């Protein structure tokens, strides 16, 4: 992800009343493949190459200071839902994210069958 072109934020409280997910609507140019991506507030990664940027501590908050490129390292399916695992090239953090309907299935298939590292569950 690069500098967003359009941005809007909506926060939703969790059961304790604190915000856990911040819906951030922003468009961006992918830093890996250079393609333009139109965000919808739930967009976590580039649908063309499945890379993203390490910008969140909690989904959508943009509070991470790392800013490294997150590269896909594995993909899988659990409870009939596809996910992609990404690793930050800068700090090594692993994140597991839901696959979106518009993600490139041919690119996603390249990551199936690879060992899936233990990662925290993501709500995205």
N, C-alpha and C. Protein backbone atom coordinates (compact mmCIF):
# COMPACT_ATOMS: atom_id res chain seq x y z
N UNK A 1 0.84 -1.18 0.00
CA UNK A 1 0.00 0.00 0.00
C UNK A 1 0.88 1.24 0.00
N UNK A 2 0.43 2.23 -0.64
CA UNK A 2 1.13 3.51 -0.66
C UNK A 2 0.25 4.55 -0.01
N UNK A 3 0.61 5.79 -0.18
CA UNK A 3 -0.18 6.87 0.38
C UNK A 3 -1.61 6.77 -0.14
N UNK A 4 -2.58 6.75 0.77
CA UNK A 4 -3.97 6.61 0.33
C UNK A 4 -4.42 7.81 -0.49
N UNK A 5 -5.30 7.54 -1.43
CA UNK A 5 -5.85 8.61 -2.27
C UNK A 5 -7.15 9.14 -1.70
N UNK A 6 -7.90 8.30 -1.00
CA UNK A 6 -9.19 8.69 -0.43
C UNK A 6 -9.29 7.97 0.90
N UNK A 7 -9.79 8.63 1.93
CA UNK A 7 -9.80 8.02 3.25
C UNK A 7 -11.00 8.46 4.06
N UNK A 8 -11.64 7.51 4.73
CA UNK A 8 -12.72 7.79 5.67
C UNK A 8 -12.69 6.72 6.74
N UNK A 9 -12.91 7.07 7.99
CA UNK A 9 -12.85 6.11 9.09
C UNK A 9 -14.17 6.03 9.84
N UNK A 10 -14.54 4.82 10.20
CA UNK A 10 -15.69 4.55 11.05
C UNK A 10 -15.25 3.53 12.08
N UNK A 11 -15.43 3.80 13.37
CA UNK A 11 -15.04 2.86 14.41
C UNK A 11 -16.26 2.16 14.97
N UNK A 12 -16.06 0.90 15.33
CA UNK A 12 -17.12 0.13 15.95
C UNK A 12 -16.64 -0.40 17.28
N UNK A 13 -17.44 -0.25 18.35
CA UNK A 13 -17.01 -0.73 19.66
C UNK A 13 -17.14 -2.24 19.78
N UNK A 14 -16.28 -2.84 20.62
CA UNK A 14 -16.44 -4.25 20.93
C UNK A 14 -17.34 -4.37 22.15
N UNK A 15 -17.45 -5.56 22.73
CA UNK A 15 -18.35 -5.78 23.87
C UNK A 15 -17.97 -4.96 25.09
N UNK A 16 -16.69 -4.62 25.23
CA UNK A 16 -16.23 -3.83 26.37
C UNK A 16 -16.37 -2.33 26.12
N UNK A 17 -16.82 -1.95 24.92
CA UNK A 17 -17.01 -0.54 24.62
C UNK A 17 -15.80 0.13 24.01
N UNK A 18 -14.71 -0.63 23.77
CA UNK A 18 -13.53 -0.04 23.16
C UNK A 18 -13.47 -0.45 21.69
N UNK A 19 -12.93 0.41 20.87
CA UNK A 19 -12.88 0.13 19.43
C UNK A 19 -11.83 -0.93 19.14
N UNK A 20 -12.23 -2.01 18.47
CA UNK A 20 -11.30 -3.06 18.05
C UNK A 20 -11.12 -3.03 16.55
N UNK A 21 -12.12 -2.62 15.83
CA UNK A 21 -12.04 -2.55 14.37
C UNK A 21 -12.39 -1.14 13.94
N UNK A 22 -11.54 -0.59 13.13
CA UNK A 22 -11.80 0.73 12.58
C UNK A 22 -11.94 0.58 11.07
N UNK A 23 -13.12 0.85 10.57
CA UNK A 23 -13.34 0.76 9.13
C UNK A 23 -12.70 1.98 8.48
N UNK A 24 -11.67 1.74 7.70
CA UNK A 24 -10.95 2.81 7.03
C UNK A 24 -11.10 2.62 5.52
N UNK A 25 -11.86 3.50 4.90
CA UNK A 25 -12.06 3.43 3.46
C UNK A 25 -10.97 4.25 2.80
N UNK A 26 -10.10 3.57 2.05
CA UNK A 26 -9.03 4.27 1.37
C UNK A 26 -8.61 3.52 0.12
N UNK A 27 -8.30 4.26 -0.92
CA UNK A 27 -7.77 3.72 -2.16
C UNK A 27 -6.25 3.82 -2.07
N UNK A 28 -5.55 2.91 -2.79
CA UNK A 28 -4.09 2.96 -2.74
C UNK A 28 -3.49 2.32 -3.98
N UNK A 29 -2.23 2.62 -4.22
CA UNK A 29 -1.44 1.94 -5.24
C UNK A 29 -0.61 0.90 -4.50
N UNK A 30 -0.67 -0.34 -4.94
CA UNK A 30 0.07 -1.42 -4.29
C UNK A 30 1.57 -1.18 -4.43
N UNK A 31 2.29 -1.29 -3.32
CA UNK A 31 3.73 -1.08 -3.35
C UNK A 31 4.47 -2.27 -3.96
N UNK A 32 3.80 -3.41 -4.09
CA UNK A 32 4.45 -4.57 -4.69
C UNK A 32 4.26 -4.61 -6.21
N UNK A 33 3.01 -4.59 -6.66
CA UNK A 33 2.74 -4.74 -8.10
C UNK A 33 2.40 -3.42 -8.79
N UNK A 34 2.16 -2.35 -8.02
CA UNK A 34 1.90 -1.04 -8.59
C UNK A 34 0.47 -0.81 -9.07
N UNK A 35 -0.40 -1.80 -8.91
CA UNK A 35 -1.78 -1.67 -9.39
C UNK A 35 -2.60 -0.79 -8.44
N UNK A 36 -3.56 -0.08 -9.00
CA UNK A 36 -4.48 0.74 -8.21
C UNK A 36 -5.52 -0.17 -7.56
N UNK A 37 -5.81 0.09 -6.28
CA UNK A 37 -6.80 -0.69 -5.53
C UNK A 37 -7.82 0.27 -4.94
N UNK A 38 -9.09 0.04 -5.24
CA UNK A 38 -10.18 0.83 -4.65
C UNK A 38 -10.60 0.15 -3.36
N UNK A 39 -10.44 0.84 -2.24
CA UNK A 39 -10.78 0.28 -0.94
C UNK A 39 -12.26 0.38 -0.65
N UNK A 40 -12.74 -0.52 0.22
CA UNK A 40 -14.15 -0.50 0.61
C UNK A 40 -14.34 -0.42 2.12
N UNK A 41 -13.27 -0.21 2.84
CA UNK A 41 -13.34 -0.14 4.30
C UNK A 41 -12.97 -1.45 4.95
N UNK A 42 -12.93 -2.52 4.17
CA UNK A 42 -12.52 -3.83 4.68
C UNK A 42 -11.32 -4.34 3.89
N UNK A 43 -10.86 -3.56 2.92
CA UNK A 43 -9.75 -3.96 2.07
C UNK A 43 -8.48 -4.05 2.91
N UNK A 44 -7.89 -5.24 2.93
CA UNK A 44 -6.70 -5.47 3.73
C UNK A 44 -5.44 -5.60 2.87
N UNK A 45 -5.62 -6.02 1.63
CA UNK A 45 -4.48 -6.32 0.77
C UNK A 45 -4.85 -6.08 -0.68
N UNK A 46 -3.83 -6.10 -1.51
CA UNK A 46 -4.03 -5.94 -2.95
C UNK A 46 -4.70 -7.20 -3.50
N UNK A 47 -5.82 -7.07 -4.20
CA UNK A 47 -6.49 -8.26 -4.73
C UNK A 47 -5.76 -8.89 -5.91
N UNK A 48 -4.77 -8.20 -6.46
CA UNK A 48 -4.05 -8.70 -7.62
C UNK A 48 -2.85 -9.55 -7.23
N UNK A 49 -2.11 -9.16 -6.18
CA UNK A 49 -0.90 -9.89 -5.79
C UNK A 49 -0.93 -10.37 -4.34
N UNK A 50 -1.94 -10.00 -3.57
CA UNK A 50 -2.16 -10.40 -2.17
C UNK A 50 -1.14 -9.83 -1.19
N UNK A 51 -0.38 -8.83 -1.60
CA UNK A 51 0.54 -8.14 -0.68
C UNK A 51 -0.21 -7.01 0.02
N UNK A 52 0.29 -6.59 1.17
CA UNK A 52 -0.27 -5.44 1.87
C UNK A 52 0.85 -4.71 2.58
N UNK A 53 0.48 -3.82 3.46
CA UNK A 53 1.46 -3.03 4.19
C UNK A 53 1.18 -3.19 5.67
N UNK A 54 2.22 -3.33 6.47
CA UNK A 54 2.09 -3.49 7.92
C UNK A 54 1.79 -2.14 8.56
N UNK A 55 0.50 -1.80 8.62
CA UNK A 55 0.10 -0.49 9.14
C UNK A 55 -0.82 -0.57 10.35
N UNK A 56 -1.39 -1.75 10.65
CA UNK A 56 -2.37 -1.87 11.74
C UNK A 56 -1.84 -2.65 12.93
N UNK A 57 -2.21 -2.20 14.13
CA UNK A 57 -2.06 -3.00 15.34
C UNK A 57 -3.34 -3.82 15.50
N UNK A 58 -4.47 -3.13 15.47
CA UNK A 58 -5.79 -3.75 15.41
C UNK A 58 -6.37 -3.41 14.05
N UNK A 59 -7.17 -4.29 13.46
CA UNK A 59 -7.65 -4.05 12.09
C UNK A 59 -8.21 -2.65 11.86
N UNK A 60 -7.59 -1.94 10.91
CA UNK A 60 -8.06 -0.63 10.49
C UNK A 60 -7.57 0.56 11.29
N UNK A 61 -6.82 0.33 12.38
CA UNK A 61 -6.45 1.48 13.23
C UNK A 61 -5.26 2.29 12.72
N UNK A 62 -4.48 1.74 11.80
CA UNK A 62 -3.31 2.40 11.22
C UNK A 62 -2.32 2.85 12.30
N UNK A 63 -2.20 2.06 13.38
CA UNK A 63 -1.36 2.43 14.52
C UNK A 63 0.00 1.74 14.53
N UNK A 64 0.28 0.84 13.60
CA UNK A 64 1.58 0.17 13.58
C UNK A 64 2.65 1.13 13.05
N UNK A 65 3.79 1.11 13.68
CA UNK A 65 4.87 2.01 13.27
C UNK A 65 5.80 1.35 12.25
N UNK A 66 5.68 0.07 12.01
CA UNK A 66 6.59 -0.66 11.14
C UNK A 66 6.51 -0.18 9.69
N UNK A 67 5.35 -0.31 9.06
CA UNK A 67 5.18 0.12 7.68
C UNK A 67 5.81 -0.78 6.63
N UNK A 68 6.28 -1.97 7.04
CA UNK A 68 6.91 -2.88 6.09
C UNK A 68 5.92 -3.52 5.12
N UNK A 69 6.43 -4.07 4.05
CA UNK A 69 5.59 -4.76 3.07
C UNK A 69 5.26 -6.15 3.60
N UNK A 70 3.97 -6.50 3.57
CA UNK A 70 3.50 -7.81 4.01
C UNK A 70 3.37 -8.68 2.77
N UNK A 71 4.12 -9.79 2.72
CA UNK A 71 4.07 -10.66 1.55
C UNK A 71 3.32 -11.95 1.90
N UNK A 72 2.54 -12.47 0.96
CA UNK A 72 1.84 -13.72 1.21
C UNK A 72 2.84 -14.87 1.30
N UNK A 73 2.64 -15.75 2.29
CA UNK A 73 3.54 -16.90 2.45
C UNK A 73 2.79 -18.22 2.42
N UNK A 74 1.47 -18.19 2.63
CA UNK A 74 0.67 -19.42 2.64
C UNK A 74 -0.79 -19.05 2.50
N UNK A 75 -1.61 -20.04 2.19
CA UNK A 75 -3.06 -19.86 2.13
C UNK A 75 -3.70 -21.16 2.57
N UNK A 76 -4.94 -21.05 3.04
CA UNK A 76 -5.64 -22.24 3.48
C UNK A 76 -7.13 -22.00 3.54
N UNK A 77 -7.81 -23.02 4.04
CA UNK A 77 -9.26 -22.94 4.21
C UNK A 77 -9.60 -23.52 5.56
N UNK A 78 -10.49 -22.82 6.26
CA UNK A 78 -10.94 -23.27 7.57
C UNK A 78 -12.40 -22.91 7.72
N UNK A 79 -13.22 -23.88 8.08
CA UNK A 79 -14.68 -23.68 8.21
C UNK A 79 -15.25 -23.03 6.95
N UNK A 80 -14.88 -23.56 5.80
CA UNK A 80 -15.36 -23.09 4.50
C UNK A 80 -14.99 -21.64 4.18
N UNK A 81 -13.97 -21.12 4.82
CA UNK A 81 -13.51 -19.75 4.55
C UNK A 81 -12.03 -19.78 4.19
N UNK A 82 -11.70 -19.13 3.09
CA UNK A 82 -10.32 -19.05 2.66
C UNK A 82 -9.59 -17.95 3.41
N UNK A 83 -8.29 -18.16 3.63
CA UNK A 83 -7.47 -17.14 4.27
C UNK A 83 -6.09 -17.14 3.63
N UNK A 84 -5.40 -16.02 3.77
CA UNK A 84 -4.02 -15.88 3.31
C UNK A 84 -3.19 -15.47 4.52
N UNK A 85 -1.98 -16.02 4.63
CA UNK A 85 -1.04 -15.66 5.69
C UNK A 85 0.02 -14.78 5.08
N UNK A 86 0.27 -13.65 5.73
CA UNK A 86 1.27 -12.70 5.26
C UNK A 86 2.35 -12.52 6.32
N UNK A 87 3.59 -12.30 5.86
CA UNK A 87 4.72 -12.04 6.76
C UNK A 87 5.32 -10.69 6.39
N UNK A 88 5.57 -9.87 7.41
CA UNK A 88 6.18 -8.57 7.18
C UNK A 88 7.66 -8.75 6.86
N UNK A 89 8.09 -8.13 5.77
CA UNK A 89 9.50 -8.21 5.37
C UNK A 89 10.42 -7.45 6.32
N UNK A 90 9.88 -6.48 7.04
CA UNK A 90 10.70 -5.67 7.96
C UNK A 90 10.85 -6.31 9.33
N UNK A 91 9.72 -6.64 9.97
CA UNK A 91 9.77 -7.10 11.36
C UNK A 91 9.44 -8.58 11.53
N UNK A 92 8.96 -9.25 10.47
CA UNK A 92 8.65 -10.67 10.55
C UNK A 92 7.29 -11.03 11.10
N UNK A 93 6.49 -10.04 11.48
CA UNK A 93 5.16 -10.32 12.04
C UNK A 93 4.32 -11.10 11.03
N UNK A 94 3.61 -12.10 11.54
CA UNK A 94 2.71 -12.90 10.71
C UNK A 94 1.28 -12.50 10.98
N UNK A 95 0.49 -12.38 9.92
CA UNK A 95 -0.92 -12.07 10.05
C UNK A 95 -1.72 -12.99 9.14
N UNK A 96 -2.88 -13.36 9.60
CA UNK A 96 -3.80 -14.22 8.85
C UNK A 96 -5.02 -13.38 8.50
N UNK A 97 -5.37 -13.33 7.22
CA UNK A 97 -6.46 -12.46 6.77
C UNK A 97 -7.43 -13.22 5.88
N UNK A 98 -8.69 -12.82 5.97
CA UNK A 98 -9.71 -13.40 5.12
C UNK A 98 -9.45 -13.03 3.66
N UNK A 99 -9.79 -13.95 2.78
CA UNK A 99 -9.70 -13.69 1.35
C UNK A 99 -10.99 -13.00 0.93
N UNK A 100 -10.86 -11.98 0.10
CA UNK A 100 -12.02 -11.23 -0.38
C UNK A 100 -12.53 -11.85 -1.68
N UNK A 101 -13.80 -11.65 -1.99
CA UNK A 101 -14.38 -12.23 -3.21
C UNK A 101 -13.66 -11.81 -4.50
N UNK A 102 -13.09 -10.62 -4.53
CA UNK A 102 -12.44 -10.13 -5.75
C UNK A 102 -10.94 -10.44 -5.81
N UNK A 103 -10.40 -11.18 -4.84
CA UNK A 103 -8.98 -11.54 -4.87
C UNK A 103 -8.71 -12.51 -6.03
N UNK A 104 -7.56 -12.36 -6.64
CA UNK A 104 -7.17 -13.18 -7.78
C UNK A 104 -6.97 -14.63 -7.33
N UNK A 105 -7.86 -15.51 -7.79
CA UNK A 105 -7.83 -16.92 -7.36
C UNK A 105 -6.60 -17.66 -7.88
N UNK A 106 -6.11 -17.30 -9.06
CA UNK A 106 -4.91 -17.94 -9.59
C UNK A 106 -3.70 -17.63 -8.71
N UNK A 107 -3.59 -16.39 -8.26
CA UNK A 107 -2.50 -16.01 -7.36
C UNK A 107 -2.68 -16.71 -6.02
N UNK A 108 -3.89 -16.75 -5.50
CA UNK A 108 -4.17 -17.40 -4.22
C UNK A 108 -3.77 -18.88 -4.25
N UNK A 109 -4.08 -19.57 -5.34
CA UNK A 109 -3.77 -21.00 -5.46
C UNK A 109 -2.27 -21.27 -5.36
N UNK A 110 -1.44 -20.31 -5.72
CA UNK A 110 0.01 -20.49 -5.62
C UNK A 110 0.47 -20.71 -4.18
N UNK A 111 -0.31 -20.26 -3.22
CA UNK A 111 0.10 -20.33 -1.82
C UNK A 111 -0.52 -21.50 -1.07
N UNK A 112 -1.45 -22.22 -1.69
CA UNK A 112 -2.00 -23.42 -1.06
C UNK A 112 -0.95 -24.52 -1.08
N UNK A 113 -0.92 -25.34 -0.04
CA UNK A 113 0.03 -26.43 0.04
C UNK A 113 1.32 -26.04 0.72
N UNK A 114 1.54 -24.76 0.94
CA UNK A 114 2.73 -24.32 1.67
C UNK A 114 2.46 -24.47 3.16
N UNK A 115 3.50 -24.70 3.96
CA UNK A 115 3.29 -24.81 5.41
C UNK A 115 2.67 -23.51 5.94
N UNK A 116 1.67 -23.65 6.79
CA UNK A 116 1.00 -22.49 7.37
C UNK A 116 1.60 -22.21 8.74
N UNK A 117 2.31 -21.08 8.88
CA UNK A 117 2.89 -20.75 10.18
C UNK A 117 1.79 -20.44 11.19
N UNK A 118 2.06 -20.68 12.45
CA UNK A 118 1.11 -20.33 13.51
C UNK A 118 0.97 -18.82 13.54
N UNK A 119 -0.27 -18.34 13.44
CA UNK A 119 -0.52 -16.90 13.41
C UNK A 119 -1.72 -16.58 14.29
N UNK A 120 -1.79 -15.33 14.75
CA UNK A 120 -3.01 -14.92 15.45
C UNK A 120 -4.15 -14.84 14.45
N UNK A 121 -5.36 -15.08 14.90
CA UNK A 121 -6.53 -14.98 14.04
C UNK A 121 -6.83 -13.52 13.78
N UNK A 122 -7.20 -13.21 12.56
CA UNK A 122 -7.60 -11.85 12.21
C UNK A 122 -9.07 -11.82 11.96
N UNK A 123 -9.73 -10.72 12.28
CA UNK A 123 -11.15 -10.60 12.05
C UNK A 123 -11.43 -10.10 10.65
N UNK A 124 -10.41 -9.81 9.89
CA UNK A 124 -10.60 -9.29 8.53
C UNK A 124 -10.51 -10.38 7.52
